[in-house]
Amino acid sequence: MTTEQLDTLAAPEPEVIDHETRATDDDHEALRVWLRLLTCTNTVESRLRNLLRTGFDSTLPRFDMMAQLDRNPDGLKMRELSRRLMVTGGNVTGLTDKLVEEGLVERRDDPRDRRAYSVHLTPAGKRAFKQMAKSHEGWVIELFSGLSHQEKTQLLELLNRLKRHLAQVDPNLS
């Protein structure tokens, strides 16, 4: 074994710095749960962002917008896209402009309101999204493969209970 290989084996693992490292055993359990949930969410999201970038030269916001349009074949108005994506109208406009330029979405006039238009996936956009969605699903399955079916089911139920509780605490959040 070379000296370099021995040094690598002897070197301590670098400390992972994330939201959860802020917590201590003295912190309230709810805070520790929140920070772990946030850390896991950020880790999964970061990995998906990287995979979309390297696999499709795309971004998560582009994927999310195309997913919304795929689920709504009659198209969506800009305001509705903004609401569903939870971003400003300016962000949606910039994203739409870029996707129109690439031939993945199109704007169509609203026959009921001459001032408005809706955004739709083009046939090329549908094909591109279908490929991304298939890969995305596989990536998510892989990322959660460390949990058994029973554990994923249990996690879903626990998060559902939390979501229902949060809606009762503040109905504006749901």
Protein backbone atom coordinates (compact mmCIF):
# COMPACT_ATOMS: atom_id res chain seq x y z
CA MET A 1 0.00 0.00 0.00
CA THR A 2 1.37 3.43 -0.91
CA THR A 3 1.91 6.25 1.57
CA GLU A 4 -0.89 8.22 -0.10
CA GLN A 5 -3.32 5.32 0.35
CA LEU A 6 -2.32 4.97 4.02
CA ASP A 7 -2.82 8.71 4.56
CA THR A 8 -6.29 8.47 3.00
CA LEU A 9 -7.20 5.60 5.32
CA ALA A 10 -5.88 7.42 8.38
CA ALA A 11 -7.46 10.77 7.55
CA PRO A 12 -10.60 11.46 9.57
CA GLU A 13 -13.84 11.88 7.67
CA PRO A 14 -14.56 15.58 7.12
CA GLU A 15 -17.33 16.85 9.34
CA VAL A 16 -20.56 17.33 7.43
CA ILE A 17 -21.94 20.78 8.06
CA ASP A 18 -25.67 21.02 7.58
CA HIS A 19 -28.71 22.41 9.37
CA GLU A 20 -28.80 19.51 11.77
CA THR A 21 -25.29 20.18 13.08
CA ARG A 22 -26.71 23.31 14.72
CA ALA A 23 -28.68 21.19 17.16
CA THR A 24 -27.45 19.79 20.44
CA ASP A 25 -28.89 17.18 22.75
CA ASP A 26 -30.05 20.05 24.95
CA ASP A 27 -32.27 21.47 22.19
CA HIS A 28 -35.95 20.67 22.22
CA GLU A 29 -36.87 17.48 20.41
CA ALA A 30 -39.15 19.40 18.01
CA LEU A 31 -36.23 21.60 16.96
CA ARG A 32 -34.03 18.57 16.33
CA VAL A 33 -36.77 16.92 14.26
CA TRP A 34 -37.22 20.11 12.23
CA LEU A 35 -33.50 20.44 11.54
CA ARG A 36 -33.21 16.79 10.52
CA LEU A 37 -36.21 17.12 8.21
CA LEU A 38 -34.73 20.29 6.70
CA THR A 39 -31.34 18.62 6.24
CA CYS A 40 -32.87 15.60 4.51
CA THR A 41 -34.99 17.83 2.26
CA ASN A 42 -32.02 19.97 1.29
CA THR A 43 -29.86 16.92 0.65
CA VAL A 44 -32.42 15.28 -1.64
CA GLU A 45 -33.13 18.56 -3.43
CA SER A 46 -29.43 19.27 -3.95
CA ARG A 47 -28.87 15.81 -5.40
CA LEU A 48 -31.84 16.16 -7.75
CA ARG A 49 -30.63 19.60 -8.88
CA ASN A 50 -27.21 18.15 -9.70
CA LEU A 51 -28.66 15.17 -11.53
CA LEU A 52 -30.99 17.36 -13.62
CA ARG A 53 -28.09 19.66 -14.47
CA THR A 54 -25.69 16.89 -15.46
CA GLY A 55 -28.26 14.57 -17.05
CA PHE A 56 -30.39 17.08 -18.91
CA ASP A 57 -28.66 20.47 -18.71
CA SER A 58 -31.77 21.60 -16.86
CA THR A 59 -32.76 23.06 -13.52
CA LEU A 60 -35.23 22.09 -10.83
CA PRO A 61 -37.42 25.18 -11.47
CA ARG A 62 -37.63 24.26 -15.18
CA PHE A 63 -38.52 20.68 -14.26
CA ASP A 64 -41.16 21.86 -11.76
CA MET A 65 -42.74 24.21 -14.30
CA MET A 66 -42.82 21.53 -16.98
CA ALA A 67 -44.33 19.10 -14.44
CA GLN A 68 -47.14 21.56 -13.70
CA LEU A 69 -47.82 22.01 -17.40
CA ASP A 70 -47.72 18.25 -17.99
CA ARG A 71 -50.37 17.80 -15.28
CA ASN A 72 -52.49 20.53 -16.87
CA PRO A 73 -52.71 19.87 -20.62
CA ASP A 74 -55.17 22.76 -21.03
CA GLY A 75 -52.37 25.06 -19.95
CA LEU A 76 -51.99 27.43 -17.03
CA LYS A 77 -52.08 31.19 -16.79
CA MET A 78 -48.95 32.91 -15.52
CA ARG A 79 -50.55 33.84 -12.21
CA GLU A 80 -51.53 30.22 -11.58
CA LEU A 81 -48.04 29.00 -12.50
CA SER A 82 -46.57 31.53 -10.10
CA ARG A 83 -48.89 30.37 -7.31
CA ARG A 84 -48.21 26.68 -7.90
CA LEU A 85 -44.45 27.11 -8.16
CA MET A 86 -44.44 29.52 -5.19
CA VAL A 87 -42.29 32.07 -7.02
CA THR A 88 -42.80 35.63 -8.22
CA GLY A 89 -44.44 36.47 -11.50
CA GLY A 90 -41.12 37.82 -12.73
CA ASN A 91 -39.44 34.45 -12.11
CA VAL A 92 -42.19 32.65 -14.03
CA THR A 93 -41.95 35.13 -16.90
CA GLY A 94 -38.19 34.67 -17.21
CA LEU A 95 -38.50 30.91 -17.05
CA THR A 96 -41.33 30.91 -19.60
CA ASP A 97 -39.37 33.16 -21.96
CA LYS A 98 -36.42 30.78 -21.87
CA LEU A 99 -38.57 27.67 -22.40
CA VAL A 100 -40.42 29.37 -25.29
CA GLU A 101 -37.06 30.25 -26.85
CA GLU A 102 -36.05 26.58 -26.60
CA GLY A 103 -39.34 25.40 -28.12
CA LEU A 104 -40.44 23.51 -25.00
CA VAL A 105 -43.47 25.66 -24.11
CA GLU A 106 -45.72 28.05 -25.94
CA ARG A 107 -48.01 30.88 -25.00
CA ARG A 108 -51.58 30.73 -26.30
CA ASP A 109 -54.08 33.55 -26.26
CA ASP A 110 -57.04 33.04 -23.97
CA PRO A 111 -60.17 33.21 -26.14
CA ARG A 112 -62.21 34.43 -23.13
CA ASP A 113 -59.80 37.22 -22.18
CA ARG A 114 -57.80 38.98 -24.89
CA ARG A 115 -55.39 40.38 -22.28
CA ALA A 116 -54.43 36.96 -20.95
CA TYR A 117 -52.71 33.88 -22.26
CA SER A 118 -51.95 30.42 -21.00
CA VAL A 119 -48.73 28.45 -21.16
CA HIS A 120 -48.63 24.93 -22.64
CA LEU A 121 -45.99 22.28 -23.24
CA THR A 122 -45.14 21.86 -26.92
CA PRO A 123 -44.80 18.34 -28.35
CA ALA A 124 -41.00 18.73 -27.94
CA GLY A 125 -41.58 19.88 -24.36
CA LYS A 126 -43.76 16.84 -23.65
CA ARG A 127 -41.05 14.51 -24.96
CA ALA A 128 -38.30 16.27 -23.01
CA PHE A 129 -40.34 16.28 -19.82
CA LYS A 130 -41.26 12.58 -20.19
CA GLN A 131 -37.54 11.69 -20.32
CA MET A 132 -36.71 13.93 -17.35
CA ALA A 133 -39.65 12.65 -15.31
CA LYS A 134 -38.67 9.03 -15.85
CA SER A 135 -35.11 9.71 -14.70
CA HIS A 136 -36.32 11.92 -11.83
CA GLU A 137 -38.56 9.14 -10.54
CA GLY A 138 -35.67 6.66 -10.68
CA TRP A 139 -33.39 9.07 -8.82
CA VAL A 140 -35.98 9.62 -6.08
CA ILE A 141 -36.52 5.87 -5.74
CA GLU A 142 -32.76 5.39 -5.40
CA LEU A 143 -32.40 8.21 -2.87
CA PHE A 144 -35.07 6.61 -0.67
CA SER A 145 -33.90 3.03 -1.21
CA GLY A 146 -32.29 3.00 2.23
CA LEU A 147 -35.77 2.78 3.73
CA SER A 148 -37.94 -0.32 3.59
CA HIS A 149 -41.46 -0.21 2.18
CA GLN A 150 -42.81 -0.29 5.73
CA GLU A 151 -40.54 2.59 6.81
CA LYS A 152 -41.58 4.73 3.82
CA THR A 153 -45.24 4.01 4.58
CA GLN A 154 -44.69 4.94 8.24
CA LEU A 155 -42.84 8.12 7.27
CA LEU A 156 -45.66 9.10 4.91
CA GLU A 157 -48.22 8.63 7.69
CA LEU A 158 -46.18 10.62 10.21
CA LEU A 159 -45.63 13.48 7.77
CA ASN A 160 -49.33 13.41 6.88
CA ARG A 161 -50.22 13.76 10.57
CA LEU A 162 -47.80 16.68 10.87
CA LYS A 163 -49.27 18.31 7.76
CA ARG A 164 -52.83 17.99 9.12
CA HIS A 165 -51.73 19.44 12.46
CA LEU A 166 -50.02 22.39 10.76
CA ALA A 167 -53.17 23.09 8.75
CA GLN A 168 -55.16 23.23 12.00
CA VAL A 169 -52.62 25.55 13.61
CA ASP A 170 -52.60 27.91 10.62
CA PRO A 171 -55.14 27.20 7.85
CA ASN A 172 -53.32 29.71 5.61
CA LEU A 173 -50.39 27.30 5.38
CA SER A 174 -52.28 24.54 3.59
